[in-house]
Protein backbone atom coordinates (compact mmCIF):
# COMPACT_ATOMS: atom_id res chain seq x y z
CA MET A 1 -15.21 13.01 13.89
CA GLN A 2 -14.41 9.90 11.86
CA ALA A 3 -16.67 9.00 8.92
CA PRO A 4 -18.77 5.85 9.40
CA VAL A 5 -17.33 2.69 7.88
CA PRO A 6 -19.52 1.32 5.03
CA ARG A 7 -21.43 -1.81 5.97
CA LEU A 8 -21.14 -4.88 3.76
CA VAL A 9 -24.38 -6.74 3.08
CA ILE A 10 -24.07 -10.26 1.68
CA THR A 11 -27.46 -11.60 0.81
CA THR A 12 -26.50 -15.26 1.04
CA ARG A 13 -23.83 -17.18 2.90
CA VAL A 14 -22.90 -20.82 3.40
CA SER A 15 -22.57 -22.48 6.75
CA THR A 16 -19.20 -23.06 8.34
CA ALA A 17 -19.63 -26.81 7.80
CA THR A 18 -19.72 -26.30 4.02
CA ARG A 19 -16.85 -23.82 3.98
CA GLY A 20 -13.98 -26.32 3.69
CA ALA A 21 -15.54 -28.25 0.81
CA ALA A 22 -16.42 -25.09 -1.07
CA ARG A 23 -12.92 -23.67 -0.67
CA CYS A 24 -11.27 -26.81 -2.00
CA HIS A 25 -13.54 -27.26 -4.98
CA GLY A 26 -14.60 -23.70 -5.89
CA ASN A 27 -18.28 -23.96 -6.82
CA VAL A 28 -20.05 -26.59 -4.75
CA ASN A 29 -23.81 -26.71 -5.34
CA GLY A 30 -24.17 -23.11 -6.48
CA VAL A 31 -21.69 -21.45 -4.15
CA LEU A 32 -19.14 -18.79 -5.04
CA THR A 33 -16.22 -19.01 -2.65
CA ILE A 34 -14.06 -15.91 -2.81
CA ASP A 35 -11.31 -14.34 -0.72
CA SER A 36 -12.27 -11.32 1.38
CA ALA A 37 -9.34 -9.32 -0.06
CA ILE A 38 -10.79 -9.75 -3.57
CA ILE A 39 -14.26 -8.71 -2.38
CA ASP A 40 -12.71 -5.67 -0.70
CA ALA A 41 -10.95 -4.74 -3.97
CA ILE A 42 -14.18 -5.13 -5.97
CA VAL A 43 -16.15 -2.99 -3.52
CA ALA A 44 -13.40 -0.34 -3.47
CA HIS A 45 -13.46 -0.26 -7.29
CA ALA A 46 -17.26 0.10 -7.31
CA ARG A 47 -17.13 2.92 -4.75
CA ARG A 48 -14.28 4.66 -6.60
CA ASP A 49 -16.16 4.67 -9.94
CA HIS A 50 -19.55 5.63 -8.41
CA PRO A 51 -21.79 7.19 -9.75
CA ASP A 52 -20.71 5.34 -12.93
CA GLU A 53 -20.95 1.56 -13.00
CA ALA A 54 -17.65 -0.21 -12.34
CA CYS A 55 -16.70 -3.46 -14.04
CA GLY A 56 -13.98 -6.06 -14.02
CA VAL A 57 -12.95 -9.69 -13.86
CA VAL A 58 -11.48 -12.08 -11.33
CA ALA A 59 -9.33 -14.66 -13.07
CA GLY A 60 -8.46 -18.12 -11.86
CA PRO A 61 -6.73 -21.27 -13.08
CA ILE A 62 -8.60 -22.95 -15.92
CA GLY A 63 -11.13 -25.49 -14.66
CA SER A 64 -10.62 -24.63 -10.98
CA ASP A 65 -13.59 -22.29 -10.41
CA LEU A 66 -11.23 -20.55 -7.97
CA PRO A 67 -11.14 -16.73 -8.27
CA THR A 68 -7.58 -15.66 -7.49
CA ARG A 69 -6.59 -12.52 -9.44
CA HIS A 70 -8.65 -9.31 -9.44
CA ILE A 71 -8.53 -7.25 -12.64
CA ALA A 72 -10.32 -3.89 -12.45
CA MET A 73 -11.34 -2.74 -15.92
CA ASP A 74 -12.57 0.55 -17.36
CA ASN A 75 -16.22 1.06 -18.13
CA ALA A 76 -15.93 2.29 -21.71
CA ALA A 77 -19.58 3.42 -21.58
CA ARG A 78 -18.87 5.70 -18.61
CA SER A 79 -22.50 5.30 -17.65
CA MET A 80 -24.54 5.22 -14.46
CA THR A 81 -26.82 2.53 -15.94
CA PHE A 82 -24.68 0.43 -18.26
CA TYR A 83 -21.20 -1.07 -18.40
CA GLU A 84 -19.09 -2.11 -21.34
CA PHE A 85 -15.53 -3.40 -21.36
CA ASP A 86 -13.22 -1.34 -23.53
CA SER A 87 -12.63 -3.58 -26.59
CA MET A 88 -8.83 -3.23 -26.57
CA GLU A 89 -8.58 -3.77 -22.81
CA HIS A 90 -10.97 -6.74 -23.10
CA LEU A 91 -8.74 -8.34 -25.75
CA ARG A 92 -5.56 -7.64 -23.73
CA VAL A 93 -6.99 -9.08 -20.49
CA TRP A 94 -8.39 -12.22 -22.16
CA ARG A 95 -5.03 -12.82 -23.94
CA GLU A 96 -3.21 -12.32 -20.64
CA MET A 97 -5.50 -14.85 -18.95
CA ASP A 98 -4.91 -17.27 -21.83
CA ASP A 99 -1.12 -16.83 -21.52
CA ASN A 100 -1.40 -17.55 -17.76
CA ASP A 101 -3.65 -20.60 -18.22
CA GLU A 102 -6.47 -18.67 -16.54
CA GLU A 103 -10.10 -18.04 -17.32
CA PRO A 104 -12.68 -15.48 -16.12
CA VAL A 105 -14.08 -17.07 -12.96
CA VAL A 106 -15.97 -13.93 -11.90
CA ILE A 107 -17.28 -11.10 -14.04
CA TYR A 108 -18.48 -8.23 -11.91
CA HIS A 109 -20.08 -4.85 -12.20
CA SER A 110 -21.92 -2.41 -10.01
CA HIS A 111 -25.42 -1.03 -10.01
CA THR A 112 -25.44 2.52 -8.73
CA ALA A 113 -29.14 3.14 -8.20
CA THR A 114 -30.77 -0.30 -8.12
CA GLU A 115 -30.47 -3.60 -6.31
CA ALA A 116 -27.70 -6.07 -7.12
CA TYR A 117 -29.70 -8.13 -9.62
CA PRO A 118 -28.97 -8.60 -13.35
CA SER A 119 -30.90 -6.29 -15.66
CA ARG A 120 -32.30 -7.48 -18.99
CA THR A 121 -29.25 -5.92 -20.65
CA ASP A 122 -26.89 -7.72 -18.24
CA ILE A 123 -28.61 -11.01 -19.04
CA SER A 124 -28.48 -10.47 -22.80
CA PHE A 125 -24.75 -9.64 -22.71
CA ALA A 126 -23.73 -12.49 -20.37
CA GLY A 127 -21.37 -14.40 -22.64
CA GLU A 128 -19.36 -16.54 -20.22
CA PRO A 129 -21.59 -19.47 -19.16
CA GLY A 130 -18.96 -20.81 -16.75
CA ALA A 131 -18.49 -17.52 -14.92
CA HIS A 132 -20.03 -16.24 -11.72
CA TYR A 133 -21.68 -12.87 -12.36
CA VAL A 134 -21.19 -10.75 -9.26
CA LEU A 135 -23.18 -7.56 -8.82
CA ILE A 136 -22.51 -4.88 -6.24
CA SER A 137 -25.13 -2.26 -5.45
CA THR A 138 -23.66 1.06 -4.33
CA ARG A 139 -27.03 2.84 -4.13
CA GLU A 140 -26.75 3.15 -0.34
CA PRO A 141 -23.71 5.18 0.75
CA ASP A 142 -23.26 3.24 3.99
CA SER A 143 -23.67 -0.35 2.74
CA ASP A 144 -22.70 -2.52 -0.22
CA GLU A 145 -25.05 -5.26 -1.39
CA ILE A 146 -23.16 -8.14 -3.06
CA ARG A 147 -24.88 -10.99 -4.91
CA SER A 148 -23.65 -13.68 -7.28
CA PHE A 149 -25.46 -15.32 -10.19
CA ARG A 150 -24.97 -17.87 -12.92
CA ILE A 151 -26.40 -16.70 -16.24
CA VAL A 152 -26.70 -19.41 -18.88
CA ASP A 153 -28.84 -19.10 -22.00
CA GLY A 154 -30.76 -16.20 -20.48
CA VAL A 155 -31.58 -18.10 -17.28
CA VAL A 156 -30.50 -16.37 -14.05
CA THR A 157 -29.74 -18.50 -11.00
CA GLU A 158 -28.67 -16.84 -7.77
CA GLU A 159 -25.99 -18.60 -5.78
CA GLU A 160 -24.62 -18.31 -2.29
CA VAL A 161 -21.51 -16.24 -1.62
CA ASN A 162 -18.95 -17.63 0.79
CA ILE A 163 -16.32 -15.05 1.71
CA VAL A 164 -13.20 -16.53 3.23
CA ASP A 165 -10.02 -15.02 4.61
CA ALA A 166 -7.22 -16.87 2.82
CA THR A 167 -4.75 -15.98 5.56
CA VAL A 168 -6.98 -17.56 8.22
CA ASP A 169 -9.00 -20.20 6.34
CA ALA A 170 -6.06 -21.78 4.50
């Protein structure tokens, strides 16, 4: 008997009418537009590292707000309730993005036992005001809750997530 396929739960989505504009311009009115292959890679990383929190970055061209390159990182804290980029890996990845004229468009991590919403610690450590903060909850074994937020000066604003298939929606 084949194991059930995990169900993906996206809490917000944009209409098809908005899809083209969001894809061309990245963030339109609080929308994260992201390729399904990148979402699949993020979810796979979160599932692979469970029960510890997983973390990483999706880089994109500077100023584009377009997430194009997934970079899975190690959780140096190796914790079920906290994530921390390894300082040397963090430096290497940010230098690599700089060399490639990229910036962190998405910073993601998983919550293993709670909903996909930033904790007080997540909010206090959010240091990239231009980034989308994506959280994945892996608390349910058969579904993945994905939500995106902007966190600026301690203020959390949830935004819609528009998942596109670059091979079809191009």
